[in-house]
Amino acid sequence: MGIYMVCYDRAGHGESDPNPRRWLGSEASDVEELADALELGKKFYVVGTSMGGYVAWACLKYIPDRLAGAALLAPVINYRWPGFPKDLSKEAYYQQAVGDQWLLRVAYYAPWLLNWWVNQSWLPSPTVIQGNTFLPNHLDSQFRDRAISSGIFHQVMILIKQPRSPSFIITL
């Protein structure tokens, strides 16, 4: 069908070498260099799942002319985005489970600890991984419940918890 999906390990994840000077622009540059090395063409799609949304957002910001499109699947949101209304941000943040609030604090104040934190069995797993996060949309809740009962949810969580970053490039 002429569709290629490419998954990769972000710097410092999986088998990729760490890059202590990594920033949003370098994330987008890494994607662009990979697409060029694989000869994916002038335009390609990026899809970011969970924390991979960070990479998709970086591509939208720094290499928009290379993108045919972008998608975010269950992205982790940044409650500190300047355009996010403060009252809504505060309300949404405190509606989360306390463990999820702590996880976001670690991600913000000590990002170098995030991978360690989520891999500790004695710390609570994020509710999205446990399958019990509050979903205000009843259709989303029904979909998740069906995915849990069929076993698909568990299979997806195993993939997400792999040591690689859930970001990928698609080209047509």
N, C-alpha and C. Protein backbone atom coordinates (compact mmCIF):
# COMPACT_ATOMS: atom_id res chain seq x y z
N MET A 1 0.82 -1.20 0.00
CA MET A 1 0.00 0.00 0.00
C MET A 1 0.86 1.26 0.00
N GLY A 2 2.16 1.11 0.09
CA GLY A 2 3.03 2.27 0.08
C GLY A 2 3.06 3.02 1.40
N ILE A 3 2.71 2.36 2.48
CA ILE A 3 2.73 2.99 3.81
C ILE A 3 3.88 2.38 4.60
N TYR A 4 4.68 3.22 5.20
CA TYR A 4 5.79 2.77 6.03
C TYR A 4 5.63 3.38 7.41
N MET A 5 5.78 2.57 8.43
CA MET A 5 5.78 3.08 9.80
C MET A 5 7.17 2.85 10.37
N VAL A 6 7.73 3.87 10.94
CA VAL A 6 9.06 3.80 11.50
C VAL A 6 8.98 4.21 12.97
N CYS A 7 9.38 3.32 13.85
CA CYS A 7 9.47 3.65 15.28
C CYS A 7 10.96 3.78 15.61
N TYR A 8 11.27 4.61 16.54
CA TYR A 8 12.67 4.81 16.89
C TYR A 8 12.80 5.09 18.37
N ASP A 9 14.00 4.91 18.88
CA ASP A 9 14.30 5.24 20.27
C ASP A 9 14.80 6.68 20.33
N ARG A 10 14.13 7.50 21.12
CA ARG A 10 14.60 8.87 21.32
C ARG A 10 15.92 8.84 22.07
N ALA A 11 16.67 9.91 21.97
CA ALA A 11 17.97 10.01 22.64
C ALA A 11 17.81 9.69 24.13
N GLY A 12 18.62 8.73 24.58
CA GLY A 12 18.59 8.35 25.99
C GLY A 12 17.55 7.29 26.33
N HIS A 13 16.75 6.85 25.37
CA HIS A 13 15.75 5.82 25.59
C HIS A 13 16.13 4.57 24.82
N GLY A 14 15.74 3.41 25.32
CA GLY A 14 16.01 2.17 24.61
C GLY A 14 17.50 2.01 24.36
N GLU A 15 17.88 1.83 23.11
CA GLU A 15 19.28 1.61 22.77
C GLU A 15 19.95 2.85 22.18
N SER A 16 19.28 4.00 22.24
CA SER A 16 19.87 5.23 21.72
C SER A 16 20.80 5.85 22.76
N ASP A 17 21.84 6.47 22.27
CA ASP A 17 22.77 7.16 23.17
C ASP A 17 22.08 8.36 23.81
N PRO A 18 22.40 8.66 25.06
CA PRO A 18 21.81 9.84 25.70
C PRO A 18 22.36 11.13 25.09
N ASN A 19 21.58 12.16 25.17
CA ASN A 19 22.00 13.48 24.72
C ASN A 19 21.61 14.47 25.81
N PRO A 20 22.54 14.79 26.71
CA PRO A 20 22.20 15.68 27.82
C PRO A 20 21.83 17.10 27.37
N ARG A 21 22.14 17.44 26.13
CA ARG A 21 21.81 18.77 25.62
C ARG A 21 20.52 18.76 24.79
N ARG A 22 19.76 17.68 24.92
CA ARG A 22 18.52 17.52 24.15
C ARG A 22 17.53 18.62 24.51
N TRP A 23 16.83 19.12 23.51
CA TRP A 23 15.76 20.11 23.69
C TRP A 23 14.76 19.91 22.57
N LEU A 24 13.67 20.66 22.56
CA LEU A 24 12.63 20.46 21.55
C LEU A 24 13.17 20.51 20.13
N GLY A 25 14.01 21.49 19.84
CA GLY A 25 14.55 21.62 18.50
C GLY A 25 15.39 20.43 18.08
N SER A 26 16.16 19.87 19.01
CA SER A 26 16.98 18.70 18.66
C SER A 26 16.11 17.47 18.45
N GLU A 27 14.98 17.38 19.17
CA GLU A 27 14.05 16.26 18.95
C GLU A 27 13.52 16.31 17.51
N ALA A 28 13.09 17.49 17.08
CA ALA A 28 12.58 17.65 15.72
C ALA A 28 13.68 17.40 14.69
N SER A 29 14.88 17.87 14.99
CA SER A 29 16.01 17.65 14.09
C SER A 29 16.33 16.17 13.96
N ASP A 30 16.23 15.43 15.07
CA ASP A 30 16.46 13.98 15.01
C ASP A 30 15.45 13.30 14.09
N VAL A 31 14.19 13.71 14.18
CA VAL A 31 13.15 13.13 13.33
C VAL A 31 13.44 13.45 11.87
N GLU A 32 13.79 14.70 11.61
CA GLU A 32 14.09 15.12 10.23
C GLU A 32 15.28 14.35 9.67
N GLU A 33 16.34 14.21 10.47
CA GLU A 33 17.52 13.47 10.01
C GLU A 33 17.18 12.00 9.74
N LEU A 34 16.37 11.40 10.60
CA LEU A 34 15.97 10.01 10.40
C LEU A 34 15.15 9.86 9.12
N ALA A 35 14.20 10.77 8.91
CA ALA A 35 13.37 10.72 7.70
C ALA A 35 14.24 10.87 6.45
N ASP A 36 15.23 11.76 6.51
CA ASP A 36 16.12 11.95 5.37
C ASP A 36 17.01 10.73 5.15
N ALA A 37 17.54 10.16 6.22
CA ALA A 37 18.40 8.99 6.10
C ALA A 37 17.64 7.80 5.51
N LEU A 38 16.36 7.70 5.82
CA LEU A 38 15.54 6.61 5.30
C LEU A 38 14.88 6.96 3.97
N GLU A 39 15.17 8.17 3.48
CA GLU A 39 14.63 8.65 2.20
C GLU A 39 13.10 8.55 2.16
N LEU A 40 12.47 9.10 3.21
CA LEU A 40 11.01 9.05 3.31
C LEU A 40 10.32 10.13 2.47
N GLY A 41 11.07 11.04 1.91
CA GLY A 41 10.49 12.07 1.06
C GLY A 41 10.48 13.43 1.74
N LYS A 42 10.00 14.42 0.98
CA LYS A 42 10.00 15.79 1.48
C LYS A 42 9.00 16.00 2.62
N LYS A 43 7.89 15.25 2.57
CA LYS A 43 6.85 15.39 3.60
C LYS A 43 6.51 14.03 4.17
N PHE A 44 6.22 14.01 5.45
CA PHE A 44 5.84 12.78 6.14
C PHE A 44 4.91 13.14 7.29
N TYR A 45 4.28 12.13 7.85
CA TYR A 45 3.39 12.30 8.99
C TYR A 45 4.13 11.90 10.25
N VAL A 46 3.81 12.54 11.35
CA VAL A 46 4.32 12.11 12.65
C VAL A 46 3.12 11.81 13.55
N VAL A 47 3.29 10.79 14.37
CA VAL A 47 2.27 10.42 15.34
C VAL A 47 2.98 10.26 16.68
N GLY A 48 2.47 10.93 17.68
CA GLY A 48 3.04 10.82 19.02
C GLY A 48 2.02 10.25 19.97
N THR A 49 2.39 9.17 20.65
CA THR A 49 1.53 8.54 21.63
C THR A 49 2.09 8.79 23.02
N SER A 50 1.23 9.20 23.93
CA SER A 50 1.62 9.46 25.30
C SER A 50 2.73 10.51 25.32
N MET A 51 3.90 10.19 25.92
CA MET A 51 5.01 11.15 25.97
C MET A 51 5.60 11.42 24.58
N GLY A 52 5.29 10.57 23.61
CA GLY A 52 5.72 10.81 22.23
C GLY A 52 5.05 12.04 21.64
N GLY A 53 3.97 12.52 22.28
CA GLY A 53 3.34 13.76 21.85
C GLY A 53 4.31 14.93 21.92
N TYR A 54 5.26 14.83 22.82
CA TYR A 54 6.30 15.84 22.98
C TYR A 54 7.10 15.99 21.68
N VAL A 55 7.42 14.85 21.05
CA VAL A 55 8.19 14.87 19.80
C VAL A 55 7.32 15.38 18.66
N ALA A 56 6.07 14.93 18.60
CA ALA A 56 5.16 15.41 17.54
C ALA A 56 4.98 16.92 17.65
N TRP A 57 4.83 17.43 18.87
CA TRP A 57 4.69 18.87 19.08
C TRP A 57 5.96 19.59 18.64
N ALA A 58 7.12 19.02 18.94
CA ALA A 58 8.40 19.63 18.53
C ALA A 58 8.48 19.71 17.01
N CYS A 59 8.02 18.66 16.33
CA CYS A 59 8.04 18.67 14.86
C CYS A 59 7.10 19.75 14.32
N LEU A 60 5.93 19.88 14.93
CA LEU A 60 5.00 20.93 14.50
C LEU A 60 5.60 22.32 14.68
N LYS A 61 6.36 22.50 15.74
CA LYS A 61 6.95 23.81 16.03
C LYS A 61 8.19 24.10 15.19
N TYR A 62 9.06 23.10 15.00
CA TYR A 62 10.37 23.37 14.40
C TYR A 62 10.55 22.91 12.95
N ILE A 63 9.76 21.95 12.49
CA ILE A 63 9.90 21.51 11.09
C ILE A 63 8.52 21.39 10.43
N PRO A 64 7.66 22.38 10.57
CA PRO A 64 6.30 22.27 10.03
C PRO A 64 6.27 22.10 8.51
N ASP A 65 7.27 22.65 7.82
CA ASP A 65 7.30 22.53 6.36
C ASP A 65 7.59 21.11 5.89
N ARG A 66 8.09 20.25 6.77
CA ARG A 66 8.37 18.85 6.41
C ARG A 66 7.18 17.93 6.68
N LEU A 67 6.18 18.43 7.39
CA LEU A 67 5.08 17.56 7.80
C LEU A 67 3.91 17.60 6.84
N ALA A 68 3.42 16.41 6.52
CA ALA A 68 2.17 16.29 5.77
C ALA A 68 1.01 16.29 6.76
N GLY A 69 1.31 15.97 8.01
CA GLY A 69 0.29 15.97 9.06
C GLY A 69 0.88 15.44 10.35
N ALA A 70 0.13 15.62 11.43
CA ALA A 70 0.57 15.15 12.74
C ALA A 70 -0.64 14.72 13.54
N ALA A 71 -0.43 13.77 14.42
CA ALA A 71 -1.51 13.31 15.30
C ALA A 71 -0.93 13.06 16.69
N LEU A 72 -1.73 13.35 17.69
CA LEU A 72 -1.39 13.06 19.07
C LEU A 72 -2.40 12.04 19.58
N LEU A 73 -1.91 10.92 20.10
CA LEU A 73 -2.77 9.88 20.64
C LEU A 73 -2.54 9.81 22.15
N ALA A 74 -3.56 10.13 22.91
CA ALA A 74 -3.48 10.12 24.37
C ALA A 74 -2.25 10.85 24.87
N PRO A 75 -2.06 12.11 24.44
CA PRO A 75 -0.85 12.83 24.85
C PRO A 75 -0.89 13.22 26.32
N VAL A 76 0.29 13.28 26.91
CA VAL A 76 0.42 13.85 28.25
C VAL A 76 0.36 15.36 28.05
N ILE A 77 -0.53 16.04 28.76
CA ILE A 77 -0.64 17.48 28.55
C ILE A 77 0.25 18.23 29.52
N ASN A 78 0.55 19.43 29.16
CA ASN A 78 1.37 20.31 29.99
C ASN A 78 0.43 21.35 30.61
N TYR A 79 0.19 21.21 31.88
CA TYR A 79 -0.71 22.13 32.58
C TYR A 79 -0.13 23.53 32.71
N ARG A 80 1.11 23.71 32.30
CA ARG A 80 1.76 25.01 32.39
C ARG A 80 1.85 25.73 31.04
N TRP A 81 1.20 25.20 30.01
CA TRP A 81 1.23 25.87 28.72
C TRP A 81 0.68 27.28 28.89
N PRO A 82 1.36 28.28 28.33
CA PRO A 82 0.92 29.67 28.50
C PRO A 82 -0.50 29.93 28.00
N GLY A 83 -0.94 29.27 26.95
CA GLY A 83 -2.27 29.50 26.40
C GLY A 83 -3.38 28.76 27.11
N PHE A 84 -3.04 27.89 28.05
CA PHE A 84 -4.03 27.09 28.77
C PHE A 84 -4.60 27.94 29.90
N PRO A 85 -5.91 28.21 29.93
CA PRO A 85 -6.48 29.07 30.98
C PRO A 85 -6.14 28.57 32.37
N LYS A 86 -5.63 29.44 33.22
CA LYS A 86 -5.14 29.06 34.55
C LYS A 86 -6.21 28.38 35.40
N ASP A 87 -7.44 28.92 35.40
CA ASP A 87 -8.47 28.32 36.23
C ASP A 87 -8.83 26.91 35.75
N LEU A 88 -8.90 26.72 34.43
CA LEU A 88 -9.20 25.41 33.87
C LEU A 88 -8.05 24.44 34.14
N SER A 89 -6.82 24.93 34.00
CA SER A 89 -5.64 24.11 34.24
C SER A 89 -5.63 23.60 35.68
N LYS A 90 -5.85 24.49 36.61
CA LYS A 90 -5.83 24.12 38.04
C LYS A 90 -6.94 23.12 38.35
N GLU A 91 -8.12 23.37 37.83
CA GLU A 91 -9.25 22.47 38.06
C GLU A 91 -8.97 21.07 37.50
N ALA A 92 -8.48 21.02 36.26
CA ALA A 92 -8.20 19.73 35.63
C ALA A 92 -7.07 18.99 36.34
N TYR A 93 -6.04 19.72 36.74
CA TYR A 93 -4.90 19.11 37.42
C TYR A 93 -5.34 18.43 38.71
N TYR A 94 -6.14 19.11 39.51
CA TYR A 94 -6.53 18.57 40.81
C TYR A 94 -7.66 17.54 40.72
N GLN A 95 -8.23 17.32 39.54
CA GLN A 95 -9.21 16.25 39.36
C GLN A 95 -8.51 14.91 39.15
N GLN A 96 -7.22 14.94 38.91
CA GLN A 96 -6.45 13.71 38.69
C GLN A 96 -6.18 13.01 40.03
N ALA A 97 -5.86 11.73 39.94
CA ALA A 97 -5.44 10.99 41.13
C ALA A 97 -4.15 11.62 41.66
N VAL A 98 -3.95 11.53 42.96
CA VAL A 98 -2.77 12.13 43.59
C VAL A 98 -1.48 11.56 43.00
N GLY A 99 -1.45 10.26 42.71
CA GLY A 99 -0.26 9.65 42.10
C GLY A 99 0.06 10.26 40.74
N ASP A 100 -0.98 10.55 39.97
CA ASP A 100 -0.78 11.18 38.66
C ASP A 100 -0.26 12.61 38.83
N GLN A 101 -0.74 13.31 39.85
CA GLN A 101 -0.25 14.66 40.11
C GLN A 101 1.25 14.61 40.44
N TRP A 102 1.66 13.65 41.25
CA TRP A 102 3.06 13.52 41.61
C TRP A 102 3.92 13.19 40.39
N LEU A 103 3.40 12.32 39.55
CA LEU A 103 4.14 11.96 38.34
C LEU A 103 4.38 13.19 37.46
N LEU A 104 3.38 14.04 37.32
CA LEU A 104 3.54 15.27 36.53
C LEU A 104 4.52 16.23 37.20
N ARG A 105 4.53 16.26 38.52
CA ARG A 105 5.50 17.11 39.22
C ARG A 105 6.92 16.63 38.94
N VAL A 106 7.11 15.31 39.00
CA VAL A 106 8.44 14.75 38.71
C VAL A 106 8.83 15.10 37.27
N ALA A 107 7.91 14.93 36.34
CA ALA A 107 8.20 15.23 34.93
C ALA A 107 8.60 16.69 34.75
N TYR A 108 8.01 17.57 35.52
CA TYR A 108 8.30 19.01 35.37
C TYR A 108 9.57 19.41 36.12
N TYR A 109 9.68 19.03 37.38
CA TYR A 109 10.78 19.50 38.22
C TYR A 109 12.04 18.63 38.13
N ALA A 110 11.88 17.35 37.81
CA ALA A 110 13.04 16.45 37.77
C ALA A 110 12.87 15.46 36.61
N PRO A 111 12.86 15.95 35.37
CA PRO A 111 12.59 15.06 34.23
C PRO A 111 13.57 13.91 34.10
N TRP A 112 14.79 14.08 34.62
CA TRP A 112 15.78 13.01 34.55
C TRP A 112 15.37 11.81 35.41
N LEU A 113 14.43 12.01 36.35
CA LEU A 113 13.97 10.92 37.21
C LEU A 113 12.73 10.20 36.65
N LEU A 114 12.14 10.72 35.59
CA LEU A 114 10.85 10.22 35.12
C LEU A 114 10.90 8.74 34.74
N ASN A 115 11.88 8.33 33.95
CA ASN A 115 11.96 6.93 33.54
C ASN A 115 12.12 6.02 34.76
N TRP A 116 12.99 6.41 35.69
CA TRP A 116 13.18 5.64 36.92
C TRP A 116 11.86 5.55 37.69
N TRP A 117 11.19 6.69 37.84
CA TRP A 117 9.95 6.77 38.63
C TRP A 117 8.89 5.80 38.11
N VAL A 118 8.64 5.81 36.79
CA VAL A 118 7.56 4.98 36.25
C VAL A 118 7.92 3.50 36.24
N ASN A 119 9.19 3.16 36.46
CA ASN A 119 9.59 1.76 36.47
C ASN A 119 9.76 1.20 37.88
N GLN A 120 9.35 1.94 38.90
CA GLN A 120 9.42 1.46 40.28
C GLN A 120 8.10 0.79 40.65
N SER A 121 8.16 -0.48 41.02
CA SER A 121 6.93 -1.21 41.34
C SER A 121 6.30 -0.73 42.65
N TRP A 122 7.07 -0.11 43.53
CA TRP A 122 6.54 0.34 44.80
C TRP A 122 5.84 1.71 44.70
N LEU A 123 6.02 2.39 43.57
CA LEU A 123 5.30 3.65 43.34
C LEU A 123 4.04 3.34 42.52
N PRO A 124 2.98 4.12 42.73
CA PRO A 124 1.76 3.82 41.97
C PRO A 124 1.95 4.07 40.48
N SER A 125 1.42 3.16 39.68
CA SER A 125 1.44 3.34 38.22
C SER A 125 0.46 4.44 37.86
N PRO A 126 0.71 5.15 36.77
CA PRO A 126 -0.28 6.15 36.33
C PRO A 126 -1.63 5.47 36.09
N THR A 127 -2.70 6.17 36.42
CA THR A 127 -4.03 5.58 36.29
C THR A 127 -4.35 5.21 34.85
N VAL A 128 -3.76 5.89 33.88
CA VAL A 128 -4.02 5.54 32.48
C VAL A 128 -3.46 4.15 32.18
N ILE A 129 -2.34 3.79 32.78
CA ILE A 129 -1.76 2.46 32.59
C ILE A 129 -2.55 1.41 33.37
N GLN A 130 -3.05 1.79 34.55
CA GLN A 130 -3.86 0.87 35.34
C GLN A 130 -5.22 0.64 34.70
N GLY A 131 -5.66 1.57 33.86
CA GLY A 131 -6.96 1.45 33.22
C GLY A 131 -8.09 1.98 34.05
N ASN A 132 -7.78 2.83 35.04
CA ASN A 132 -8.85 3.36 35.88
C ASN A 132 -8.83 4.89 35.97
N THR A 133 -8.22 5.54 34.99
CA THR A 133 -8.23 6.99 34.99
C THR A 133 -9.64 7.49 34.71
N PHE A 134 -10.00 8.61 35.29
CA PHE A 134 -11.32 9.19 35.08
C PHE A 134 -11.42 9.72 33.65
N LEU A 135 -12.44 9.29 32.93
CA LEU A 135 -12.69 9.77 31.57
C LEU A 135 -14.07 10.42 31.56
N PRO A 136 -14.14 11.74 31.37
CA PRO A 136 -15.44 12.42 31.43
C PRO A 136 -16.37 12.05 30.28
N ASN A 137 -15.85 11.57 29.18
CA ASN A 137 -16.67 11.19 28.04
C ASN A 137 -17.07 9.73 28.20
N HIS A 138 -18.37 9.45 28.28
CA HIS A 138 -18.83 8.09 28.52
C HIS A 138 -18.48 7.14 27.36
N LEU A 139 -18.38 7.66 26.14
CA LEU A 139 -17.99 6.81 25.01
C LEU A 139 -16.54 6.36 25.14
N ASP A 140 -15.67 7.26 25.60
CA ASP A 140 -14.27 6.89 25.85
C ASP A 140 -14.20 5.82 26.93
N SER A 141 -15.00 5.97 27.99
CA SER A 141 -15.01 4.98 29.07
C SER A 141 -15.48 3.62 28.56
N GLN A 142 -16.53 3.62 27.73
CA GLN A 142 -17.02 2.36 27.18
C GLN A 142 -15.98 1.70 26.29
N PHE A 143 -15.31 2.49 25.47
CA PHE A 143 -14.27 1.96 24.59
C PHE A 143 -13.15 1.34 25.42
N ARG A 144 -12.70 2.05 26.46
CA ARG A 144 -11.65 1.52 27.32
C ARG A 144 -12.09 0.23 28.01
N ASP A 145 -13.33 0.20 28.52
CA ASP A 145 -13.83 -1.00 29.19
C ASP A 145 -13.87 -2.20 28.25
N ARG A 146 -14.27 -1.97 26.99
CA ARG A 146 -14.25 -3.06 26.01
C ARG A 146 -12.83 -3.51 25.72
N ALA A 147 -11.91 -2.56 25.63
CA ALA A 147 -10.51 -2.91 25.38
C ALA A 147 -9.93 -3.71 26.54
N ILE A 148 -10.31 -3.37 27.76
CA ILE A 148 -9.85 -4.12 28.94
C ILE A 148 -10.42 -5.53 28.92
N SER A 149 -11.72 -5.65 28.69
CA SER A 149 -12.36 -6.98 28.73
C SER A 149 -11.89 -7.88 27.59
N SER A 150 -11.48 -7.32 26.47
CA SER A 150 -11.01 -8.14 25.34
C SER A 150 -9.52 -8.47 25.42
N GLY A 151 -8.79 -7.80 26.32
CA GLY A 151 -7.36 -8.03 26.45
C GLY A 151 -6.51 -7.09 25.62
N ILE A 152 -7.12 -6.31 24.74
CA ILE A 152 -6.36 -5.39 23.89
C ILE A 152 -5.68 -4.32 24.72
N PHE A 153 -6.36 -3.82 25.74
CA PHE A 153 -5.81 -2.77 26.59
C PHE A 153 -4.48 -3.23 27.20
N HIS A 154 -4.46 -4.44 27.73
CA HIS A 154 -3.25 -4.97 28.35
C HIS A 154 -2.11 -5.08 27.33
N GLN A 155 -2.42 -5.53 26.12
CA GLN A 155 -1.40 -5.66 25.08
C GLN A 155 -0.82 -4.30 24.72
N VAL A 156 -1.66 -3.28 24.62
CA VAL A 156 -1.19 -1.93 24.29
C VAL A 156 -0.33 -1.38 25.43
N MET A 157 -0.73 -1.61 26.68
CA MET A 157 0.05 -1.11 27.81
C MET A 157 1.43 -1.75 27.86
N ILE A 158 1.54 -3.02 27.48
CA ILE A 158 2.85 -3.67 27.42
C ILE A 158 3.73 -2.96 26.40
N LEU A 159 3.16 -2.61 25.24
CA LEU A 159 3.93 -1.90 24.22
C LEU A 159 4.35 -0.52 24.69
N ILE A 160 3.43 0.19 25.35
CA ILE A 160 3.73 1.55 25.81
C ILE A 160 4.82 1.54 26.88
N LYS A 161 4.83 0.53 27.72
CA LYS A 161 5.81 0.48 28.81
C LYS A 161 7.18 -0.04 28.36
N GLN A 162 7.33 -0.34 27.06
CA GLN A 162 8.63 -0.76 26.55
C GLN A 162 9.59 0.40 26.74
N PRO A 163 10.91 0.14 26.77
CA PRO A 163 11.86 1.22 27.03
C PRO A 163 12.00 2.22 25.91
N ARG A 164 11.34 2.01 24.80
CA ARG A 164 11.47 2.98 23.71
C ARG A 164 10.40 4.05 23.85
N SER A 165 10.65 5.16 23.26
CA SER A 165 9.69 6.26 23.30
C SER A 165 8.60 6.02 22.27
N PRO A 166 7.33 6.17 22.64
CA PRO A 166 6.24 5.87 21.69
C PRO A 166 6.01 7.00 20.69
N SER A 167 6.94 7.15 19.78
CA SER A 167 6.82 8.13 18.71
C SER A 167 7.12 7.43 17.41
N PHE A 168 6.44 7.81 16.37
CA PHE A 168 6.77 7.20 15.09
C PHE A 168 6.47 8.12 13.94
N ILE A 169 7.04 7.75 12.78
CA ILE A 169 6.90 8.52 11.55
C ILE A 169 6.17 7.63 10.56
N ILE A 170 5.26 8.21 9.81
CA ILE A 170 4.58 7.48 8.76
C ILE A 170 4.75 8.25 7.47
N THR A 171 5.02 7.54 6.41
CA THR A 171 5.10 8.20 5.11
C THR A 171 4.24 7.42 4.12
N LEU A 172 3.66 8.11 3.19
CA LEU A 172 2.83 7.47 2.17
C LEU A 172 3.51 7.54 0.82
